[in-house]
Amino acid sequence: MKTVMANNNTVTRAWLVVDAADMPLGRVASQVAHLLRGKHKAIFTPHCDCGDYVIVINTDKMILTGDKMNKKMYYRHSGFPGGLKATQYKTLMENRSDFVLEKAVKGMLPKNTLGRDMFRKLKVYKGAEHPHEAQKPVNYTIKGGVK
């Protein structure tokens, strides 16, 4: 019996819609990274992009558990002396909740060309609408929400 190794020609990709409303940021990010990587498929091959396209909607309704909304900070640096800027996640979730999820998912993917290709298959939207109806996406439910 031969071992089957997937490659770009043999992989079939589906389009999945994930609703992030009332779900913790980390739980959504980890399961979306799992789907983008393709680990949910039987033909998963570590050196090949086996994952599906993932559309995440309602990121503005995502939650952070505990007191992370006030205590967790997002840092960026301009590259100049004294150029460190800090922003609370509360502000980020109000203004750029799609960026917050993208940053979390990107940190969970491989840090190489393969990871960048996987990240391009992620589409994130603040509201419930998305422009990918032509691809006939299938709803995917995230397991284990907050009770």
N, C-alpha and C. Protein backbone atom coordinates (compact mmCIF):
# COMPACT_ATOMS: atom_id res chain seq x y z
N MET A 1 0.84 -1.18 0.00
CA MET A 1 0.00 0.00 0.00
C MET A 1 0.89 1.24 0.00
N LYS A 2 0.56 2.19 -0.85
CA LYS A 2 1.36 3.40 -0.98
C LYS A 2 0.84 4.50 -0.05
N THR A 3 1.75 5.32 0.41
CA THR A 3 1.37 6.49 1.18
C THR A 3 1.01 7.60 0.21
N VAL A 4 -0.14 8.20 0.44
CA VAL A 4 -0.61 9.27 -0.46
C VAL A 4 -0.13 10.60 0.10
N MET A 5 0.59 11.35 -0.71
CA MET A 5 1.04 12.69 -0.34
C MET A 5 0.30 13.70 -1.20
N ALA A 6 -0.35 14.64 -0.56
CA ALA A 6 -1.11 15.65 -1.29
C ALA A 6 -0.18 16.66 -1.93
N ASN A 7 -0.63 17.23 -3.05
CA ASN A 7 0.06 18.36 -3.66
C ASN A 7 -1.00 19.33 -4.18
N ASN A 8 -0.57 20.44 -4.72
CA ASN A 8 -1.52 21.48 -5.13
C ASN A 8 -2.49 21.00 -6.21
N ASN A 9 -2.11 20.01 -7.00
CA ASN A 9 -3.00 19.52 -8.06
C ASN A 9 -4.07 18.58 -7.53
N THR A 10 -3.81 17.89 -6.43
CA THR A 10 -4.77 16.90 -5.93
C THR A 10 -5.69 17.43 -4.84
N VAL A 11 -5.42 18.60 -4.30
CA VAL A 11 -6.22 19.14 -3.20
C VAL A 11 -7.46 19.83 -3.74
N THR A 12 -8.61 19.51 -3.17
CA THR A 12 -9.85 20.24 -3.49
C THR A 12 -10.17 21.12 -2.30
N ARG A 13 -10.44 22.38 -2.56
CA ARG A 13 -10.68 23.35 -1.50
C ARG A 13 -12.15 23.74 -1.45
N ALA A 14 -12.68 23.76 -0.25
CA ALA A 14 -14.06 24.20 -0.03
C ALA A 14 -14.04 25.63 0.52
N TRP A 15 -15.19 26.27 0.50
CA TRP A 15 -15.35 27.59 1.10
C TRP A 15 -16.22 27.42 2.33
N LEU A 16 -15.72 27.86 3.48
CA LEU A 16 -16.43 27.71 4.75
C LEU A 16 -16.72 29.08 5.35
N VAL A 17 -17.89 29.22 5.96
CA VAL A 17 -18.27 30.46 6.65
C VAL A 17 -18.31 30.18 8.14
N VAL A 18 -17.57 30.97 8.91
CA VAL A 18 -17.53 30.84 10.36
C VAL A 18 -18.15 32.10 10.96
N ASP A 19 -19.13 31.92 11.84
CA ASP A 19 -19.77 33.04 12.53
C ASP A 19 -19.09 33.21 13.88
N ALA A 20 -18.43 34.34 14.09
CA ALA A 20 -17.65 34.58 15.31
C ALA A 20 -18.44 35.30 16.39
N ALA A 21 -19.74 35.48 16.22
CA ALA A 21 -20.54 36.20 17.20
C ALA A 21 -20.57 35.44 18.53
N ASP A 22 -20.32 36.16 19.63
CA ASP A 22 -20.34 35.63 21.00
C ASP A 22 -19.37 34.46 21.21
N MET A 23 -18.28 34.44 20.48
CA MET A 23 -17.25 33.41 20.63
C MET A 23 -15.96 34.08 21.08
N PRO A 24 -15.16 33.40 21.91
CA PRO A 24 -13.87 33.97 22.33
C PRO A 24 -12.90 34.08 21.16
N LEU A 25 -12.12 35.14 21.15
CA LEU A 25 -11.17 35.40 20.07
C LEU A 25 -10.20 34.24 19.85
N GLY A 26 -9.61 33.73 20.91
CA GLY A 26 -8.62 32.67 20.78
C GLY A 26 -9.19 31.39 20.23
N ARG A 27 -10.42 31.05 20.64
CA ARG A 27 -11.04 29.82 20.17
C ARG A 27 -11.34 29.90 18.68
N VAL A 28 -11.86 31.05 18.25
CA VAL A 28 -12.14 31.24 16.83
C VAL A 28 -10.84 31.21 16.03
N ALA A 29 -9.82 31.91 16.51
CA ALA A 29 -8.55 31.99 15.79
C ALA A 29 -7.89 30.63 15.65
N SER A 30 -7.89 29.83 16.72
CA SER A 30 -7.22 28.53 16.67
C SER A 30 -7.94 27.58 15.72
N GLN A 31 -9.27 27.60 15.72
CA GLN A 31 -9.99 26.69 14.83
C GLN A 31 -9.94 27.16 13.38
N VAL A 32 -9.90 28.46 13.15
CA VAL A 32 -9.75 28.99 11.79
C VAL A 32 -8.36 28.64 11.25
N ALA A 33 -7.33 28.76 12.09
CA ALA A 33 -5.98 28.37 11.67
C ALA A 33 -5.92 26.89 11.34
N HIS A 34 -6.63 26.08 12.09
CA HIS A 34 -6.71 24.64 11.86
C HIS A 34 -7.32 24.35 10.48
N LEU A 35 -8.39 25.09 10.15
CA LEU A 35 -9.06 24.91 8.85
C LEU A 35 -8.18 25.41 7.70
N LEU A 36 -7.51 26.55 7.89
CA LEU A 36 -6.64 27.10 6.84
C LEU A 36 -5.46 26.17 6.57
N ARG A 37 -4.97 25.53 7.59
CA ARG A 37 -3.83 24.63 7.46
C ARG A 37 -4.23 23.32 6.80
N GLY A 38 -5.49 22.90 6.97
CA GLY A 38 -5.96 21.66 6.35
C GLY A 38 -5.84 20.46 7.26
N LYS A 39 -5.64 20.68 8.55
CA LYS A 39 -5.45 19.57 9.48
C LYS A 39 -6.72 18.77 9.73
N HIS A 40 -7.86 19.29 9.32
CA HIS A 40 -9.12 18.57 9.50
C HIS A 40 -9.35 17.55 8.39
N LYS A 41 -8.49 17.50 7.41
CA LYS A 41 -8.65 16.59 6.28
C LYS A 41 -7.77 15.34 6.46
N ALA A 42 -8.24 14.24 5.88
CA ALA A 42 -7.48 12.98 5.97
C ALA A 42 -6.22 13.03 5.11
N ILE A 43 -6.20 13.90 4.11
CA ILE A 43 -5.03 13.97 3.22
C ILE A 43 -4.03 15.03 3.65
N PHE A 44 -4.09 15.47 4.92
CA PHE A 44 -3.19 16.53 5.39
C PHE A 44 -1.73 16.13 5.17
N THR A 45 -1.00 17.05 4.55
CA THR A 45 0.43 16.88 4.32
C THR A 45 1.11 18.16 4.80
N PRO A 46 2.09 18.05 5.71
CA PRO A 46 2.67 19.26 6.31
C PRO A 46 3.32 20.21 5.33
N HIS A 47 3.88 19.70 4.23
CA HIS A 47 4.61 20.58 3.30
C HIS A 47 3.74 21.10 2.17
N CYS A 48 2.42 20.86 2.24
CA CYS A 48 1.51 21.27 1.17
C CYS A 48 0.37 22.09 1.77
N ASP A 49 -0.13 23.04 1.01
CA ASP A 49 -1.27 23.85 1.44
C ASP A 49 -2.55 23.07 1.14
N CYS A 50 -3.07 22.35 2.12
CA CYS A 50 -4.25 21.49 1.95
C CYS A 50 -5.53 22.16 2.43
N GLY A 51 -5.43 23.33 3.01
CA GLY A 51 -6.56 23.94 3.70
C GLY A 51 -7.64 24.50 2.79
N ASP A 52 -8.73 24.90 3.43
CA ASP A 52 -9.89 25.46 2.74
C ASP A 52 -9.88 26.98 2.85
N TYR A 53 -10.72 27.62 2.04
CA TYR A 53 -10.94 29.05 2.16
C TYR A 53 -11.89 29.26 3.34
N VAL A 54 -11.60 30.23 4.19
CA VAL A 54 -12.42 30.48 5.37
C VAL A 54 -12.88 31.93 5.37
N ILE A 55 -14.19 32.13 5.49
CA ILE A 55 -14.80 33.45 5.60
C ILE A 55 -15.29 33.60 7.03
N VAL A 56 -14.80 34.61 7.75
CA VAL A 56 -15.22 34.84 9.13
C VAL A 56 -16.07 36.10 9.15
N ILE A 57 -17.29 35.98 9.70
CA ILE A 57 -18.21 37.12 9.78
C ILE A 57 -18.49 37.45 11.24
N ASN A 58 -19.03 38.63 11.48
CA ASN A 58 -19.42 39.11 12.81
C ASN A 58 -18.25 39.19 13.78
N THR A 59 -17.10 39.66 13.32
CA THR A 59 -15.97 39.80 14.24
C THR A 59 -16.19 40.94 15.23
N ASP A 60 -17.08 41.86 14.91
CA ASP A 60 -17.35 42.94 15.85
C ASP A 60 -18.11 42.45 17.09
N LYS A 61 -18.66 41.24 17.05
CA LYS A 61 -19.39 40.66 18.18
C LYS A 61 -18.56 39.61 18.92
N MET A 62 -17.28 39.46 18.57
CA MET A 62 -16.40 38.54 19.28
C MET A 62 -16.14 39.05 20.69
N ILE A 63 -15.76 38.14 21.58
CA ILE A 63 -15.48 38.56 22.95
C ILE A 63 -14.07 38.14 23.35
N LEU A 64 -13.57 38.79 24.37
CA LEU A 64 -12.32 38.39 25.01
C LEU A 64 -12.67 38.01 26.44
N THR A 65 -12.20 36.87 26.90
CA THR A 65 -12.55 36.41 28.23
C THR A 65 -11.71 37.13 29.29
N GLY A 66 -12.20 37.08 30.52
CA GLY A 66 -11.49 37.73 31.62
C GLY A 66 -11.48 39.24 31.45
N ASP A 67 -10.38 39.86 31.88
CA ASP A 67 -10.25 41.32 31.78
C ASP A 67 -9.30 41.70 30.66
N LYS A 68 -9.17 40.82 29.65
CA LYS A 68 -8.25 41.09 28.55
C LYS A 68 -8.65 42.31 27.75
N MET A 69 -9.93 42.60 27.71
CA MET A 69 -10.40 43.75 26.94
C MET A 69 -9.73 45.04 27.42
N ASN A 70 -9.48 45.14 28.72
CA ASN A 70 -8.88 46.36 29.27
C ASN A 70 -7.38 46.23 29.48
N LYS A 71 -6.88 45.03 29.78
CA LYS A 71 -5.48 44.86 30.13
C LYS A 71 -4.58 44.49 28.97
N LYS A 72 -5.09 43.76 27.99
CA LYS A 72 -4.27 43.32 26.86
C LYS A 72 -3.96 44.51 25.96
N MET A 73 -2.71 44.59 25.54
CA MET A 73 -2.28 45.72 24.72
C MET A 73 -1.74 45.23 23.38
N TYR A 74 -1.91 46.07 22.36
CA TYR A 74 -1.33 45.82 21.04
C TYR A 74 -0.22 46.84 20.86
N TYR A 75 0.99 46.36 20.58
CA TYR A 75 2.15 47.24 20.43
C TYR A 75 2.60 47.29 18.98
N ARG A 76 3.04 48.47 18.56
CA ARG A 76 3.68 48.62 17.25
C ARG A 76 4.79 49.66 17.41
N HIS A 77 5.79 49.55 16.56
CA HIS A 77 6.94 50.44 16.67
C HIS A 77 7.23 51.04 15.30
N SER A 78 7.51 52.34 15.29
CA SER A 78 7.76 53.03 14.03
C SER A 78 9.17 52.78 13.49
N GLY A 79 10.06 52.30 14.36
CA GLY A 79 11.44 52.09 13.95
C GLY A 79 12.35 53.22 14.38
N PHE A 80 11.79 54.31 14.88
CA PHE A 80 12.56 55.43 15.36
C PHE A 80 12.63 55.40 16.89
N PRO A 81 13.64 56.03 17.48
CA PRO A 81 13.72 56.07 18.95
C PRO A 81 12.48 56.71 19.56
N GLY A 82 11.91 56.04 20.55
CA GLY A 82 10.70 56.55 21.20
C GLY A 82 9.45 56.31 20.38
N GLY A 83 9.51 55.46 19.38
CA GLY A 83 8.38 55.26 18.47
C GLY A 83 7.47 54.11 18.83
N LEU A 84 7.45 53.68 20.10
CA LEU A 84 6.58 52.59 20.52
C LEU A 84 5.18 53.13 20.80
N LYS A 85 4.19 52.53 20.16
CA LYS A 85 2.80 52.93 20.36
C LYS A 85 2.05 51.74 20.96
N ALA A 86 1.19 51.99 21.91
CA ALA A 86 0.41 50.95 22.55
C ALA A 86 -1.07 51.29 22.46
N THR A 87 -1.89 50.28 22.17
CA THR A 87 -3.33 50.46 22.06
C THR A 87 -4.02 49.34 22.83
N GLN A 88 -5.05 49.68 23.59
CA GLN A 88 -5.82 48.66 24.30
C GLN A 88 -6.64 47.86 23.31
N TYR A 89 -6.86 46.59 23.64
CA TYR A 89 -7.68 45.74 22.78
C TYR A 89 -9.13 46.21 22.76
N LYS A 90 -9.56 46.92 23.79
CA LYS A 90 -10.92 47.47 23.80
C LYS A 90 -11.11 48.42 22.62
N THR A 91 -10.12 49.29 22.41
CA THR A 91 -10.17 50.23 21.29
C THR A 91 -10.08 49.50 19.95
N LEU A 92 -9.19 48.51 19.88
CA LEU A 92 -9.04 47.75 18.64
C LEU A 92 -10.31 46.99 18.30
N MET A 93 -10.95 46.38 19.29
CA MET A 93 -12.17 45.61 19.03
C MET A 93 -13.30 46.51 18.57
N GLU A 94 -13.33 47.75 19.03
CA GLU A 94 -14.37 48.67 18.58
C GLU A 94 -14.12 49.14 17.15
N ASN A 95 -12.85 49.42 16.82
CA ASN A 95 -12.54 50.03 15.53
C ASN A 95 -12.10 49.04 14.46
N ARG A 96 -11.27 48.05 14.83
CA ARG A 96 -10.66 47.16 13.83
C ARG A 96 -10.71 45.71 14.29
N SER A 97 -11.90 45.20 14.56
CA SER A 97 -12.03 43.83 15.06
C SER A 97 -11.59 42.80 14.02
N ASP A 98 -11.69 43.14 12.75
CA ASP A 98 -11.21 42.23 11.71
C ASP A 98 -9.69 42.08 11.77
N PHE A 99 -8.98 43.16 12.06
CA PHE A 99 -7.52 43.12 12.19
C PHE A 99 -7.09 42.28 13.39
N VAL A 100 -7.85 42.36 14.48
CA VAL A 100 -7.53 41.60 15.69
C VAL A 100 -7.55 40.11 15.38
N LEU A 101 -8.58 39.64 14.67
CA LEU A 101 -8.66 38.22 14.33
C LEU A 101 -7.57 37.83 13.35
N GLU A 102 -7.31 38.68 12.35
CA GLU A 102 -6.25 38.38 11.38
C GLU A 102 -4.90 38.24 12.07
N LYS A 103 -4.62 39.12 13.03
CA LYS A 103 -3.35 39.07 13.75
C LYS A 103 -3.24 37.79 14.57
N ALA A 104 -4.32 37.39 15.21
CA ALA A 104 -4.31 36.17 16.02
C ALA A 104 -4.12 34.93 15.14
N VAL A 105 -4.80 34.87 14.01
CA VAL A 105 -4.68 33.70 13.11
C VAL A 105 -3.30 33.66 12.49
N LYS A 106 -2.78 34.80 12.08
CA LYS A 106 -1.47 34.85 11.44
C LYS A 106 -0.38 34.33 12.38
N GLY A 107 -0.53 34.61 13.67
CA GLY A 107 0.44 34.11 14.65
C GLY A 107 0.39 32.61 14.84
N MET A 108 -0.70 31.97 14.42
CA MET A 108 -0.85 30.53 14.58
C MET A 108 -0.49 29.74 13.33
N LEU A 109 -0.15 30.42 12.25
CA LEU A 109 0.23 29.74 11.01
C LEU A 109 1.75 29.67 10.90
N PRO A 110 2.27 28.80 10.04
CA PRO A 110 3.73 28.71 9.86
C PRO A 110 4.31 30.04 9.39
N LYS A 111 5.53 30.32 9.85
CA LYS A 111 6.19 31.58 9.49
C LYS A 111 7.07 31.38 8.26
N ASN A 112 6.47 31.09 7.12
CA ASN A 112 7.22 30.90 5.89
C ASN A 112 6.28 31.14 4.70
N THR A 113 6.74 30.83 3.51
CA THR A 113 5.95 31.05 2.30
C THR A 113 4.64 30.28 2.35
N LEU A 114 4.68 29.08 2.88
CA LEU A 114 3.48 28.25 2.98
C LEU A 114 2.45 28.91 3.90
N GLY A 115 2.89 29.47 5.01
CA GLY A 115 1.98 30.16 5.92
C GLY A 115 1.38 31.40 5.30
N ARG A 116 2.15 32.11 4.50
CA ARG A 116 1.62 33.30 3.83
C ARG A 116 0.57 32.91 2.79
N ASP A 117 0.78 31.78 2.10
CA ASP A 117 -0.23 31.30 1.15
C ASP A 117 -1.51 30.89 1.87
N MET A 118 -1.38 30.27 3.02
CA MET A 118 -2.55 29.88 3.81
C MET A 118 -3.31 31.11 4.29
N PHE A 119 -2.58 32.13 4.71
CA PHE A 119 -3.21 33.34 5.25
C PHE A 119 -4.02 34.07 4.17
N ARG A 120 -3.61 33.96 2.92
CA ARG A 120 -4.34 34.62 1.84
C ARG A 120 -5.73 34.02 1.62
N LYS A 121 -5.97 32.83 2.13
CA LYS A 121 -7.27 32.19 1.97
C LYS A 121 -8.25 32.59 3.07
N LEU A 122 -7.83 33.49 3.96
CA LEU A 122 -8.70 33.97 5.04
C LEU A 122 -9.36 35.27 4.63
N LYS A 123 -10.68 35.34 4.76
CA LYS A 123 -11.45 36.54 4.46
C LYS A 123 -12.23 36.91 5.72
N VAL A 124 -12.00 38.10 6.25
CA VAL A 124 -12.60 38.50 7.52
C VAL A 124 -13.45 39.75 7.32
N TYR A 125 -14.68 39.72 7.92
CA TYR A 125 -15.61 40.84 7.79
C TYR A 125 -16.24 41.15 9.14
N LYS A 126 -16.43 42.45 9.41
CA LYS A 126 -17.00 42.88 10.69
C LYS A 126 -18.46 42.50 10.82
N GLY A 127 -19.24 42.72 9.80
CA GLY A 127 -20.68 42.46 9.86
C GLY A 127 -21.04 41.07 9.39
N ALA A 128 -22.34 40.87 9.18
CA ALA A 128 -22.86 39.55 8.78
C ALA A 128 -22.84 39.35 7.27
N GLU A 129 -22.51 40.39 6.50
CA GLU A 129 -22.51 40.29 5.04
C GLU A 129 -21.11 40.02 4.51
N HIS A 130 -21.03 39.26 3.42
CA HIS A 130 -19.76 39.03 2.74
C HIS A 130 -20.01 38.90 1.25
N PRO A 131 -19.05 39.27 0.40
CA PRO A 131 -19.25 39.25 -1.06
C PRO A 131 -18.87 37.94 -1.74
N HIS A 132 -18.92 36.81 -1.03
CA HIS A 132 -18.45 35.54 -1.60
C HIS A 132 -19.58 34.55 -1.81
N GLU A 133 -20.78 35.03 -2.09
CA GLU A 133 -21.92 34.13 -2.31
C GLU A 133 -21.75 33.29 -3.58
N ALA A 134 -21.00 33.79 -4.56
CA ALA A 134 -20.81 33.06 -5.82
C ALA A 134 -20.02 31.76 -5.61
N GLN A 135 -19.22 31.69 -4.54
CA GLN A 135 -18.43 30.49 -4.26
C GLN A 135 -19.24 29.43 -3.52
N LYS A 136 -20.49 29.72 -3.17
CA LYS A 136 -21.38 28.80 -2.46
C LYS A 136 -20.73 28.27 -1.17
N PRO A 137 -20.43 29.16 -0.23
CA PRO A 137 -19.78 28.71 1.01
C PRO A 137 -20.74 27.91 1.89
N VAL A 138 -20.15 27.02 2.68
CA VAL A 138 -20.90 26.16 3.60
C VAL A 138 -20.67 26.68 5.03
N ASN A 139 -21.71 26.70 5.83
CA ASN A 139 -21.58 27.15 7.23
C ASN A 139 -20.80 26.12 8.03
N TYR A 140 -19.90 26.62 8.89
CA TYR A 140 -19.09 25.77 9.76
C TYR A 140 -19.25 26.30 11.17
N THR A 141 -19.61 25.43 12.10
CA THR A 141 -19.81 25.88 13.48
C THR A 141 -18.57 25.60 14.30
N ILE A 142 -18.16 26.60 15.06
CA ILE A 142 -17.01 26.47 15.95
C ILE A 142 -17.47 25.71 17.19
N LYS A 143 -16.67 24.76 17.60
CA LYS A 143 -17.02 23.95 18.77
C LYS A 143 -16.58 24.65 20.06
N GLY A 144 -17.40 24.58 21.10
CA GLY A 144 -17.00 25.03 22.43
C GLY A 144 -17.06 26.52 22.65
N GLY A 145 -18.24 27.11 22.57
CA GLY A 145 -18.38 28.52 22.88
C GLY A 145 -18.45 28.76 24.38
N VAL A 146 -18.53 30.02 24.78
CA VAL A 146 -18.62 30.38 26.19
C VAL A 146 -20.05 30.14 26.66
N LYS A 147 -20.19 29.55 27.83
CA LYS A 147 -21.54 29.26 28.33
C LYS A 147 -22.03 30.32 29.26
